[in-house]
Amino acid sequence: MSKANNKVLRMKQAGSYMKKQIKKQKRILKGEVVSDKMDKTVVVKVSRLKIHPKYKRRYKITKRFKVHDEKNECHTGDKVIIEETRPLSKEKRWKVKGFVGEGELKAKPEQ
């Protein structure tokens, strides 16, 4: 398969080709809300450890994502689970999936 057609699976059936769309798995990350000043948007800090290729020393990488929060439920300091989604604006490509508390995932409260 070429690079341009890596998301389409071609299947042969009765002498003709059918195209079957392959669904891409969404990435899920865990982070902490660092800003909730925007309307329906929060900034989430996601930290991870990376190993230096030469010196084998671990160091921390922190990345900030703008995340969609439909009901403005998240506040600064909350631990959240975020999920990749289609582009919602120039910089927003993530949405809040739920909250994290004492070791388990807490679903967002329905109102």
PDB file of N, CA and C in Angstrom:
ATOM      1  N   MET A   1       0.835  -1.187   0.000  1.00  0.00           N
ATOM      2  CA  MET A   1       0.000   0.000   0.000  1.00  0.00           C
ATOM      3  C   MET A   1       0.874   1.243   0.000  1.00  0.00           C
ATOM      4  N   SER A   2       0.422   2.269  -0.689  1.00  0.00           N
ATOM      5  CA  SER A   2       1.172   3.516  -0.723  1.00  0.00           C
ATOM      6  C   SER A   2       0.846   4.334   0.523  1.00  0.00           C
ATOM      7  N   LYS A   3       1.645   5.377   0.755  1.00  0.00           N
ATOM      8  CA  LYS A   3       1.420   6.206   1.930  1.00  0.00           C
ATOM      9  C   LYS A   3       0.091   6.935   1.855  1.00  0.00           C
ATOM     10  N   ALA A   4      -0.329   7.317   0.656  1.00  0.00           N
ATOM     11  CA  ALA A   4      -1.577   8.061   0.503  1.00  0.00           C
ATOM     12  C   ALA A   4      -2.790   7.206   0.837  1.00  0.00           C
ATOM     13  N   ASN A   5      -2.712   5.891   0.658  1.00  0.00           N
ATOM     14  CA  ASN A   5      -3.857   5.022   0.876  1.00  0.00           C
ATOM     15  C   ASN A   5      -3.702   4.138   2.111  1.00  0.00           C
ATOM     16  N   ASN A   6      -2.947   4.586   3.111  1.00  0.00           N
ATOM     17  CA  ASN A   6      -2.708   3.731   4.264  1.00  0.00           C
ATOM     18  C   ASN A   6      -3.928   3.594   5.175  1.00  0.00           C
ATOM     19  N   LYS A   7      -4.966   4.453   5.015  1.00  0.00           N
ATOM     20  CA  LYS A   7      -6.150   4.358   5.856  1.00  0.00           C
ATOM     21  C   LYS A   7      -7.265   3.573   5.179  1.00  0.00           C
ATOM     22  N   VAL A   8      -7.053   3.197   3.937  1.00  0.00           N
ATOM     23  CA  VAL A   8      -8.080   2.464   3.201  1.00  0.00           C
ATOM     24  C   VAL A   8      -7.582   1.053   2.943  1.00  0.00           C
ATOM     25  N   LEU A   9      -8.386   0.078   3.300  1.00  0.00           N
ATOM     26  CA  LEU A   9      -8.056  -1.318   3.085  1.00  0.00           C
ATOM     27  C   LEU A   9      -8.792  -1.789   1.844  1.00  0.00           C
ATOM     28  N   ARG A  10      -8.059  -2.314   0.888  1.00  0.00           N
ATOM     29  CA  ARG A  10      -8.673  -2.777  -0.349  1.00  0.00           C
ATOM     30  C   ARG A  10      -8.920  -4.280  -0.234  1.00  0.00           C
ATOM     31  N   MET A  11     -10.137  -4.678  -0.531  1.00  0.00           N
ATOM     32  CA  MET A  11     -10.514  -6.081  -0.436  1.00  0.00           C
ATOM     33  C   MET A  11     -11.025  -6.540  -1.800  1.00  0.00           C
ATOM     34  N   LYS A  12     -10.661  -7.742  -2.173  1.00  0.00           N
ATOM     35  CA  LYS A  12     -11.130  -8.291  -3.440  1.00  0.00           C
ATOM     36  C   LYS A  12     -12.312  -9.210  -3.169  1.00  0.00           C
ATOM     37  N   GLN A  13     -13.409  -8.922  -3.856  1.00  0.00           N
ATOM     38  CA  GLN A  13     -14.605  -9.729  -3.666  1.00  0.00           C
ATOM     39  C   GLN A  13     -15.289  -9.906  -5.023  1.00  0.00           C
ATOM     40  N   ALA A  14     -15.409 -11.146  -5.461  1.00  0.00           N
ATOM     41  CA  ALA A  14     -16.087 -11.511  -6.710  1.00  0.00           C
ATOM     42  C   ALA A  14     -15.523 -10.748  -7.896  1.00  0.00           C
ATOM     43  N   GLY A  15     -14.211 -10.643  -7.987  1.00  0.00           N
ATOM     44  CA  GLY A  15     -13.581 -10.033  -9.143  1.00  0.00           C
ATOM     45  C   GLY A  15     -13.489  -8.515  -9.105  1.00  0.00           C
ATOM     46  N   SER A  16     -14.121  -7.850  -8.138  1.00  0.00           N
ATOM     47  CA  SER A  16     -14.033  -6.390  -8.055  1.00  0.00           C
ATOM     48  C   SER A  16     -13.442  -6.012  -6.699  1.00  0.00           C
ATOM     49  N   TYR A  17     -12.943  -4.804  -6.624  1.00  0.00           N
ATOM     50  CA  TYR A  17     -12.332  -4.341  -5.380  1.00  0.00           C
ATOM     51  C   TYR A  17     -13.323  -3.498  -4.595  1.00  0.00           C
ATOM     52  N   MET A  18     -13.334  -3.726  -3.299  1.00  0.00           N
ATOM     53  CA  MET A  18     -14.151  -2.912  -2.403  1.00  0.00           C
ATOM     54  C   MET A  18     -13.210  -2.146  -1.491  1.00  0.00           C
ATOM     55  N   LYS A  19     -13.613  -0.961  -1.089  1.00  0.00           N
ATOM     56  CA  LYS A  19     -12.823  -0.185  -0.139  1.00  0.00           C
ATOM     57  C   LYS A  19     -13.502  -0.248   1.221  1.00  0.00           C
ATOM     58  N   LYS A  20     -12.713  -0.522   2.236  1.00  0.00           N
ATOM     59  CA  LYS A  20     -13.229  -0.564   3.596  1.00  0.00           C
ATOM     60  C   LYS A  20     -12.451   0.460   4.411  1.00  0.00           C
ATOM     61  N   GLN A  21     -13.168   1.388   5.014  1.00  0.00           N
ATOM     62  CA  GLN A  21     -12.540   2.438   5.796  1.00  0.00           C
ATOM     63  C   GLN A  21     -12.076   1.862   7.131  1.00  0.00           C
ATOM     64  N   ILE A  22     -10.825   2.117   7.504  1.00  0.00           N
ATOM     65  CA  ILE A  22     -10.276   1.660   8.781  1.00  0.00           C
ATOM     66  C   ILE A  22     -10.380   2.813   9.771  1.00  0.00           C
ATOM     67  N   LYS A  23     -11.013   2.569  10.914  1.00  0.00           N
ATOM     68  CA  LYS A  23     -11.190   3.602  11.919  1.00  0.00           C
ATOM     69  C   LYS A  23      -9.913   3.753  12.733  1.00  0.00           C
ATOM     70  N   LYS A  24      -9.419   4.988  12.829  1.00  0.00           N
ATOM     71  CA  LYS A  24      -8.204   5.268  13.582  1.00  0.00           C
ATOM     72  C   LYS A  24      -8.533   5.312  15.079  1.00  0.00           C
ATOM     73  N   GLN A  25      -7.700   4.678  15.885  1.00  0.00           N
ATOM     74  CA  GLN A  25      -7.909   4.671  17.324  1.00  0.00           C
ATOM     75  C   GLN A  25      -7.534   6.032  17.894  1.00  0.00           C
ATOM     76  N   LYS A  26      -8.396   6.572  18.767  1.00  0.00           N
ATOM     77  CA  LYS A  26      -8.169   7.884  19.344  1.00  0.00           C
ATOM     78  C   LYS A  26      -7.169   7.791  20.486  1.00  0.00           C
ATOM     79  N   ARG A  27      -6.282   8.773  20.557  1.00  0.00           N
ATOM     80  CA  ARG A  27      -5.312   8.804  21.660  1.00  0.00           C
ATOM     81  C   ARG A  27      -6.003   9.316  22.919  1.00  0.00           C
ATOM     82  N   ILE A  28      -5.618   8.770  24.063  1.00  0.00           N
ATOM     83  CA  ILE A  28      -6.158   9.179  25.354  1.00  0.00           C
ATOM     84  C   ILE A  28      -4.980   9.512  26.261  1.00  0.00           C
ATOM     85  N   LEU A  29      -5.015  10.693  26.888  1.00  0.00           N
ATOM     86  CA  LEU A  29      -3.942  11.150  27.763  1.00  0.00           C
ATOM     87  C   LEU A  29      -4.527  11.584  29.103  1.00  0.00           C
ATOM     88  N   LYS A  30      -3.662  11.612  30.127  1.00  0.00           N
ATOM     89  CA  LYS A  30      -4.047  12.048  31.457  1.00  0.00           C
ATOM     90  C   LYS A  30      -3.218  13.273  31.808  1.00  0.00           C
ATOM     91  N   GLY A  31      -3.871  14.311  32.346  1.00  0.00           N
ATOM     92  CA  GLY A  31      -3.141  15.527  32.678  1.00  0.00           C
ATOM     93  C   GLY A  31      -3.844  16.348  33.736  1.00  0.00           C
ATOM     94  N   GLU A  32      -3.291  17.541  33.964  1.00  0.00           N
ATOM     95  CA  GLU A  32      -3.800  18.442  34.994  1.00  0.00           C
ATOM     96  C   GLU A  32      -4.195  19.764  34.356  1.00  0.00           C
ATOM     97  N   VAL A  33      -5.350  20.292  34.772  1.00  0.00           N
ATOM     98  CA  VAL A  33      -5.829  21.569  34.244  1.00  0.00           C
ATOM     99  C   VAL A  33      -4.989  22.690  34.849  1.00  0.00           C
ATOM    100  N   VAL A  34      -4.418  23.547  33.982  1.00  0.00           N
ATOM    101  CA  VAL A  34      -3.607  24.662  34.465  1.00  0.00           C
ATOM    102  C   VAL A  34      -4.282  26.008  34.231  1.00  0.00           C
ATOM    103  N   SER A  35      -5.302  26.057  33.349  1.00  0.00           N
ATOM    104  CA  SER A  35      -6.022  27.300  33.115  1.00  0.00           C
ATOM    105  C   SER A  35      -7.443  26.983  32.685  1.00  0.00           C
ATOM    106  N   ASP A  36      -8.401  27.736  33.264  1.00  0.00           N
ATOM    107  CA  ASP A  36      -9.799  27.579  32.864  1.00  0.00           C
ATOM    108  C   ASP A  36     -10.436  28.941  32.588  1.00  0.00           C
ATOM    109  N   LYS A  37      -9.652  29.894  32.115  1.00  0.00           N
ATOM    110  CA  LYS A  37     -10.115  31.272  31.925  1.00  0.00           C
ATOM    111  C   LYS A  37     -10.923  31.465  30.649  1.00  0.00           C
ATOM    112  N   MET A  38     -10.810  30.527  29.692  1.00  0.00           N
ATOM    113  CA  MET A  38     -11.549  30.651  28.440  1.00  0.00           C
ATOM    114  C   MET A  38     -12.922  29.994  28.561  1.00  0.00           C
ATOM    115  N   ASP A  39     -13.838  30.376  27.686  1.00  0.00           N
ATOM    116  CA  ASP A  39     -15.176  29.798  27.695  1.00  0.00           C
ATOM    117  C   ASP A  39     -15.157  28.479  26.930  1.00  0.00           C
ATOM    118  N   LYS A  40     -15.592  27.394  27.575  1.00  0.00           N
ATOM    119  CA  LYS A  40     -15.649  26.045  27.004  1.00  0.00           C
ATOM    120  C   LYS A  40     -14.290  25.505  26.579  1.00  0.00           C
ATOM    121  N   THR A  41     -13.212  26.069  27.110  1.00  0.00           N
ATOM    122  CA  THR A  41     -11.858  25.599  26.799  1.00  0.00           C
ATOM    123  C   THR A  41     -11.021  25.621  28.061  1.00  0.00           C
ATOM    124  N   VAL A  42     -10.251  24.566  28.277  1.00  0.00           N
ATOM    125  CA  VAL A  42      -9.278  24.533  29.371  1.00  0.00           C
ATOM    126  C   VAL A  42      -7.914  24.171  28.784  1.00  0.00           C
ATOM    127  N   VAL A  43      -6.860  24.578  29.496  1.00  0.00           N
ATOM    128  CA  VAL A  43      -5.504  24.207  29.103  1.00  0.00           C
ATOM    129  C   VAL A  43      -5.062  23.104  30.043  1.00  0.00           C
ATOM    130  N   VAL A  44      -4.648  21.966  29.459  1.00  0.00           N
ATOM    131  CA  VAL A  44      -4.256  20.796  30.244  1.00  0.00           C
ATOM    132  C   VAL A  44      -2.778  20.533  30.043  1.00  0.00           C
ATOM    133  N   LYS A  45      -2.064  20.332  31.161  1.00  0.00           N
ATOM    134  CA  LYS A  45      -0.638  20.030  31.147  1.00  0.00           C
ATOM    135  C   LYS A  45      -0.464  18.517  31.238  1.00  0.00           C
ATOM    136  N   VAL A  46       0.242  17.938  30.244  1.00  0.00           N
ATOM    137  CA  VAL A  46       0.511  16.499  30.232  1.00  0.00           C
ATOM    138  C   VAL A  46       2.022  16.308  30.344  1.00  0.00           C
ATOM    139  N   SER A  47       2.460  15.582  31.370  1.00  0.00           N
ATOM    140  CA  SER A  47       3.889  15.341  31.595  1.00  0.00           C
ATOM    141  C   SER A  47       4.213  13.875  31.332  1.00  0.00           C
ATOM    142  N   ARG A  48       5.413  13.634  30.799  1.00  0.00           N
ATOM    143  CA  ARG A  48       5.885  12.265  30.587  1.00  0.00           C
ATOM    144  C   ARG A  48       7.392  12.238  30.723  1.00  0.00           C
ATOM    145  N   LEU A  49       7.936  11.055  31.028  1.00  0.00           N
ATOM    146  CA  LEU A  49       9.378  10.894  31.142  1.00  0.00           C
ATOM    147  C   LEU A  49       9.937  10.400  29.814  1.00  0.00           C
ATOM    148  N   LYS A  50      11.064  10.954  29.426  1.00  0.00           N
ATOM    149  CA  LYS A  50      11.719  10.555  28.194  1.00  0.00           C
ATOM    150  C   LYS A  50      13.156  10.183  28.544  1.00  0.00           C
ATOM    151  N   ILE A  51      13.721   9.222  27.831  1.00  0.00           N
ATOM    152  CA  ILE A  51      15.094   8.788  28.091  1.00  0.00           C
ATOM    153  C   ILE A  51      15.997   9.349  27.011  1.00  0.00           C
ATOM    154  N   HIS A  52      17.097   9.977  27.447  1.00  0.00           N
ATOM    155  CA  HIS A  52      18.049  10.534  26.495  1.00  0.00           C
ATOM    156  C   HIS A  52      18.715   9.394  25.727  1.00  0.00           C
ATOM    157  N   PRO A  53      18.778   9.490  24.383  1.00  0.00           N
ATOM    158  CA  PRO A  53      19.300   8.365  23.595  1.00  0.00           C
ATOM    159  C   PRO A  53      20.764   8.021  23.869  1.00  0.00           C
ATOM    160  N   LYS A  54      21.576   9.021  24.172  1.00  0.00           N
ATOM    161  CA  LYS A  54      22.999   8.761  24.396  1.00  0.00           C
ATOM    162  C   LYS A  54      23.326   8.511  25.864  1.00  0.00           C
ATOM    163  N   TYR A  55      22.826   9.368  26.744  1.00  0.00           N
ATOM    164  CA  TYR A  55      23.219   9.313  28.152  1.00  0.00           C
ATOM    165  C   TYR A  55      22.281   8.472  29.016  1.00  0.00           C
ATOM    166  N   LYS A  56      21.155   8.014  28.467  1.00  0.00           N
ATOM    167  CA  LYS A  56      20.207   7.138  29.159  1.00  0.00           C
ATOM    168  C   LYS A  56      19.644   7.748  30.443  1.00  0.00           C
ATOM    169  N   ARG A  57      19.671   9.043  30.541  1.00  0.00           N
ATOM    170  CA  ARG A  57      19.121   9.718  31.702  1.00  0.00           C
ATOM    171  C   ARG A  57      17.677  10.106  31.415  1.00  0.00           C
ATOM    172  N   ARG A  58      16.805   9.952  32.399  1.00  0.00           N
ATOM    173  CA  ARG A  58      15.409  10.318  32.240  1.00  0.00           C
ATOM    174  C   ARG A  58      15.238  11.811  32.505  1.00  0.00           C
ATOM    175  N   TYR A  59      14.382  12.442  31.676  1.00  0.00           N
ATOM    176  CA  TYR A  59      14.031  13.832  31.917  1.00  0.00           C
ATOM    177  C   TYR A  59      12.560  14.031  31.583  1.00  0.00           C
ATOM    178  N   LYS A  60      11.971  15.056  32.197  1.00  0.00           N
ATOM    179  CA  LYS A  60      10.544  15.269  32.086  1.00  0.00           C
ATOM    180  C   LYS A  60      10.218  16.196  30.917  1.00  0.00           C
ATOM    181  N   ILE A  61       9.249  15.788  30.111  1.00  0.00           N
ATOM    182  CA  ILE A  61       8.722  16.592  29.015  1.00  0.00           C
ATOM    183  C   ILE A  61       7.306  16.999  29.406  1.00  0.00           C
ATOM    184  N   THR A  62       6.987  18.280  29.315  1.00  0.00           N
ATOM    185  CA  THR A  62       5.651  18.760  29.620  1.00  0.00           C
ATOM    186  C   THR A  62       5.089  19.433  28.387  1.00  0.00           C
ATOM    187  N   LYS A  63       3.874  19.048  28.026  1.00  0.00           N
ATOM    188  CA  LYS A  63       3.210  19.630  26.869  1.00  0.00           C
ATOM    189  C   LYS A  63       1.844  20.139  27.289  1.00  0.00           C
ATOM    190  N   ARG A  64       1.441  21.273  26.730  1.00  0.00           N
ATOM    191  CA  ARG A  64       0.151  21.868  27.069  1.00  0.00           C
ATOM    192  C   ARG A  64      -0.802  21.735  25.883  1.00  0.00           C
ATOM    193  N   PHE A  65      -2.024  21.281  26.166  1.00  0.00           N
ATOM    194  CA  PHE A  65      -3.037  21.113  25.136  1.00  0.00           C
ATOM    195  C   PHE A  65      -4.242  21.981  25.467  1.00  0.00           C
ATOM    196  N   LYS A  66      -4.830  22.605  24.450  1.00  0.00           N
ATOM    197  CA  LYS A  66      -6.109  23.279  24.618  1.00  0.00           C
ATOM    198  C   LYS A  66      -7.193  22.227  24.406  1.00  0.00           C
ATOM    199  N   VAL A  67      -8.082  22.097  25.389  1.00  0.00           N
ATOM    200  CA  VAL A  67      -9.050  21.004  25.425  1.00  0.00           C
ATOM    201  C   VAL A  67     -10.461  21.578  25.522  1.00  0.00           C
ATOM    202  N   HIS A  68     -11.396  20.973  24.772  1.00  0.00           N
ATOM    203  CA  HIS A  68     -12.794  21.404  24.776  1.00  0.00           C
ATOM    204  C   HIS A  68     -13.499  20.878  26.016  1.00  0.00           C
ATOM    205  N   ASP A  69     -14.145  21.783  26.754  1.00  0.00           N
ATOM    206  CA  ASP A  69     -14.914  21.440  27.953  1.00  0.00           C
ATOM    207  C   ASP A  69     -16.305  22.045  27.783  1.00  0.00           C
ATOM    208  N   GLU A  70     -17.238  21.267  27.263  1.00  0.00           N
ATOM    209  CA  GLU A  70     -18.555  21.762  26.842  1.00  0.00           C
ATOM    210  C   GLU A  70     -19.306  22.490  27.944  1.00  0.00           C
ATOM    211  N   LYS A  71     -19.306  21.945  29.171  1.00  0.00           N
ATOM    212  CA  LYS A  71     -20.127  22.504  30.254  1.00  0.00           C
ATOM    213  C   LYS A  71     -19.320  23.325  31.259  1.00  0.00           C
ATOM    214  N   ASN A  72     -18.085  23.650  30.974  1.00  0.00           N
ATOM    215  CA  ASN A  72     -17.220  24.418  31.877  1.00  0.00           C
ATOM    216  C   ASN A  72     -17.159  23.786  33.270  1.00  0.00           C
ATOM    217  N   GLU A  73     -16.971  22.463  33.324  1.00  0.00           N
ATOM    218  CA  GLU A  73     -16.934  21.733  34.596  1.00  0.00           C
ATOM    219  C   GLU A  73     -15.532  21.691  35.201  1.00  0.00           C
ATOM    220  N   CYS A  74     -14.488  21.769  34.390  1.00  0.00           N
ATOM    221  CA  CYS A  74     -13.112  21.623  34.868  1.00  0.00           C
ATOM    222  C   CYS A  74     -12.587  22.946  35.412  1.00  0.00           C
ATOM    223  N   HIS A  75     -11.839  22.832  36.496  1.00  0.00           N
ATOM    224  CA  HIS A  75     -11.229  24.013  37.107  1.00  0.00           C
ATOM    225  C   HIS A  75      -9.750  23.742  37.336  1.00  0.00           C
ATOM    226  N   THR A  76      -8.998  24.800  37.574  1.00  0.00           N
ATOM    227  CA  THR A  76      -7.554  24.691  37.762  1.00  0.00           C
ATOM    228  C   THR A  76      -7.229  23.695  38.874  1.00  0.00           C
ATOM    229  N   GLY A  77      -6.303  22.779  38.583  1.00  0.00           N
ATOM    230  CA  GLY A  77      -5.881  21.786  39.557  1.00  0.00           C
ATOM    231  C   GLY A  77      -6.557  20.433  39.388  1.00  0.00           C
ATOM    232  N   ASP A  78      -7.629  20.347  38.618  1.00  0.00           N
ATOM    233  CA  ASP A  78      -8.315  19.074  38.406  1.00  0.00           C
ATOM    234  C   ASP A  78      -7.464  18.142  37.558  1.00  0.00           C
ATOM    235  N   LYS A  79      -7.515  16.853  37.872  1.00  0.00           N
ATOM    236  CA  LYS A  79      -6.866  15.827  37.056  1.00  0.00           C
ATOM    237  C   LYS A  79      -7.921  15.291  36.095  1.00  0.00           C
ATOM    238  N   VAL A  80      -7.602  15.291  34.792  1.00  0.00           N
ATOM    239  CA  VAL A  80      -8.589  14.905  33.785  1.00  0.00           C
ATOM    240  C   VAL A  80      -8.011  13.910  32.788  1.00  0.00           C
ATOM    241  N   ILE A  81      -8.920  13.193  32.129  1.00  0.00           N
ATOM    242  CA  ILE A  81      -8.589  12.323  31.006  1.00  0.00           C
ATOM    243  C   ILE A  81      -9.053  13.063  29.755  1.00  0.00           C
ATOM    244  N   ILE A  82      -8.167  13.185  28.745  1.00  0.00           N
ATOM    245  CA  ILE A  82      -8.540  13.862  27.512  1.00  0.00           C
ATOM    246  C   ILE A  82      -8.445  12.891  26.343  1.00  0.00           C
ATOM    247  N   GLU A  83      -9.281  13.139  25.325  1.00  0.00           N
ATOM    248  CA  GLU A  83      -9.366  12.248  24.181  1.00  0.00           C
ATOM    249  C   GLU A  83      -9.211  13.064  22.899  1.00  0.00           C
ATOM    250  N   GLU A  84      -8.476  12.506  21.950  1.00  0.00           N
ATOM    251  CA  GLU A  84      -8.263  13.168  20.669  1.00  0.00           C
ATOM    252  C   GLU A  84      -9.577  13.203  19.891  1.00  0.00           C
ATOM    253  N   THR A  85      -9.822  14.305  19.176  1.00  0.00           N
ATOM    254  CA  THR A  85     -11.039  14.445  18.390  1.00  0.00           C
ATOM    255  C   THR A  85     -10.732  15.242  17.133  1.00  0.00           C
ATOM    256  N   ARG A  86     -11.751  15.480  16.318  1.00  0.00           N
ATOM    257  CA  ARG A  86     -11.558  16.274  15.105  1.00  0.00           C
ATOM    258  C   ARG A  86     -11.205  17.709  15.498  1.00  0.00           C
ATOM    259  N   PRO A  87     -10.602  18.490  14.589  1.00  0.00           N
ATOM    260  CA  PRO A  87     -10.281  19.880  14.926  1.00  0.00           C
ATOM    261  C   PRO A  87     -11.546  20.690  15.235  1.00  0.00           C
ATOM    262  N   LEU A  88     -11.563  21.316  16.408  1.00  0.00           N
ATOM    263  CA  LEU A  88     -12.698  22.134  16.820  1.00  0.00           C
ATOM    264  C   LEU A  88     -12.433  23.621  16.607  1.00  0.00           C
ATOM    265  N   SER A  89     -11.166  24.002  16.579  1.00  0.00           N
ATOM    266  CA  SER A  89     -10.764  25.381  16.301  1.00  0.00           C
ATOM    267  C   SER A  89      -9.316  25.332  15.828  1.00  0.00           C
ATOM    268  N   LYS A  90      -8.673  26.488  15.777  1.00  0.00           N
ATOM    269  CA  LYS A  90      -7.295  26.544  15.285  1.00  0.00           C
ATOM    270  C   LYS A  90      -6.352  25.672  16.114  1.00  0.00           C
ATOM    271  N   GLU A  91      -6.527  25.655  17.432  1.00  0.00           N
ATOM    272  CA  GLU A  91      -5.603  24.923  18.304  1.00  0.00           C
ATOM    273  C   GLU A  91      -6.249  23.784  19.093  1.00  0.00           C
ATOM    274  N   LYS A  92      -7.579  23.679  19.089  1.00  0.00           N
ATOM    275  CA  LYS A  92      -8.255  22.649  19.884  1.00  0.00           C
ATOM    276  C   LYS A  92      -8.480  21.387  19.067  1.00  0.00           C
ATOM    277  N   ARG A  93      -7.864  20.270  19.515  1.00  0.00           N
ATOM    278  CA  ARG A  93      -8.057  18.967  18.895  1.00  0.00           C
ATOM    279  C   ARG A  93      -8.312  17.887  19.941  1.00  0.00           C
ATOM    280  N   TRP A  94      -8.659  18.284  21.163  1.00  0.00           N
ATOM    281  CA  TRP A  94      -8.879  17.360  22.267  1.00  0.00           C
ATOM    282  C   TRP A  94     -10.161  17.733  22.982  1.00  0.00           C
ATOM    283  N   LYS A  95     -10.792  16.749  23.650  1.00  0.00           N
ATOM    284  CA  LYS A  95     -11.960  17.027  24.480  1.00  0.00           C
ATOM    285  C   LYS A  95     -11.826  16.275  25.799  1.00  0.00           C
ATOM    286  N   VAL A  96     -12.478  16.794  26.830  1.00  0.00           N
ATOM    287  CA  VAL A  96     -12.436  16.176  28.156  1.00  0.00           C
ATOM    288  C   VAL A  96     -13.295  14.929  28.134  1.00  0.00           C
ATOM    289  N   LYS A  97     -12.692  13.806  28.550  1.00  0.00           N
ATOM    290  CA  LYS A  97     -13.430  12.541  28.599  1.00  0.00           C
ATOM    291  C   LYS A  97     -13.970  12.267  30.003  1.00  0.00           C
ATOM    292  N   GLY A  98     -13.225  12.676  31.031  1.00  0.00           N
ATOM    293  CA  GLY A  98     -13.667  12.443  32.403  1.00  0.00           C
ATOM    294  C   GLY A  98     -12.652  12.974  33.395  1.00  0.00           C
ATOM    295  N   PHE A  99     -12.950  12.786  34.659  1.00  0.00           N
ATOM    296  CA  PHE A  99     -12.073  13.217  35.738  1.00  0.00           C
ATOM    297  C   PHE A  99     -11.356  12.012  36.336  1.00  0.00           C
ATOM    298  N   VAL A 100     -10.187  12.256  36.947  1.00  0.00           N
ATOM    299  CA  VAL A 100      -9.439  11.219  37.638  1.00  0.00           C
ATOM    300  C   VAL A 100      -9.451  11.563  39.118  1.00  0.00           C
ATOM    301  N   GLY A 101      -9.745  10.560  39.956  1.00  0.00           N
ATOM    302  CA  GLY A 101      -9.740  10.795  41.383  1.00  0.00           C
ATOM    303  C   GLY A 101      -9.455   9.520  42.143  1.00  0.00           C
ATOM    304  N   GLU A 102      -8.542   9.560  43.083  1.00  0.00           N
ATOM    305  CA  GLU A 102      -8.172   8.429  43.949  1.00  0.00           C
ATOM    306  C   GLU A 102      -8.035   7.117  43.201  1.00  0.00           C
ATOM    307  N   GLY A 103      -7.396   7.123  42.047  1.00  0.00           N
ATOM    308  CA  GLY A 103      -7.083   5.878  41.359  1.00  0.00           C
ATOM    309  C   GLY A 103      -8.084   5.398  40.333  1.00  0.00           C
ATOM    310  N   GLU A 104      -9.272   5.967  40.261  1.00  0.00           N
ATOM    311  CA  GLU A 104     -10.234   5.503  39.272  1.00  0.00           C
ATOM    312  C   GLU A 104     -10.745   6.679  38.444  1.00  0.00           C
ATOM    313  N   LEU A 105     -11.284   6.356  37.292  1.00  0.00           N
ATOM    314  CA  LEU A 105     -11.843   7.361  36.404  1.00  0.00           C
ATOM    315  C   LEU A 105     -13.271   7.680  36.844  1.00  0.00           C
ATOM    316  N   LYS A 106     -13.554   8.953  37.020  1.00  0.00           N
ATOM    317  CA  LYS A 106     -14.905   9.371  37.358  1.00  0.00           C
ATOM    318  C   LYS A 106     -15.532   9.985  36.119  1.00  0.00           C
ATOM    319  N   ALA A 107     -16.689   9.479  35.717  1.00  0.00           N
ATOM    320  CA  ALA A 107     -17.378  10.014  34.547  1.00  0.00           C
ATOM    321  C   ALA A 107     -17.836  11.440  34.830  1.00  0.00           C
ATOM    322  N   LYS A 108     -17.941  12.225  33.756  1.00  0.00           N
ATOM    323  CA  LYS A 108     -18.414  13.580  33.921  1.00  0.00           C
ATOM    324  C   LYS A 108     -19.868  13.553  34.386  1.00  0.00           C
ATOM    325  N   PRO A 109     -20.244  14.386  35.351  1.00  0.00           N
ATOM    326  CA  PRO A 109     -21.626  14.370  35.833  1.00  0.00           C
ATOM    327  C   PRO A 109     -22.587  14.837  34.752  1.00  0.00           C
ATOM    328  N   GLU A 110     -23.708  14.102  34.594  1.00  0.00           N
ATOM    329  CA  GLU A 110     -24.720  14.458  33.593  1.00  0.00           C
ATOM    330  C   GLU A 110     -25.723  15.397  34.245  1.00  0.00           C
ATOM    331  N   GLN A 111     -26.056  16.486  33.542  1.00  0.00           N
ATOM    332  CA  GLN A 111     -27.025  17.451  34.083  1.00  0.00           C
ATOM    333  C   GLN A 111     -28.064  17.772  33.046  1.00  0.00           C
TER     334      GLN A 111
END
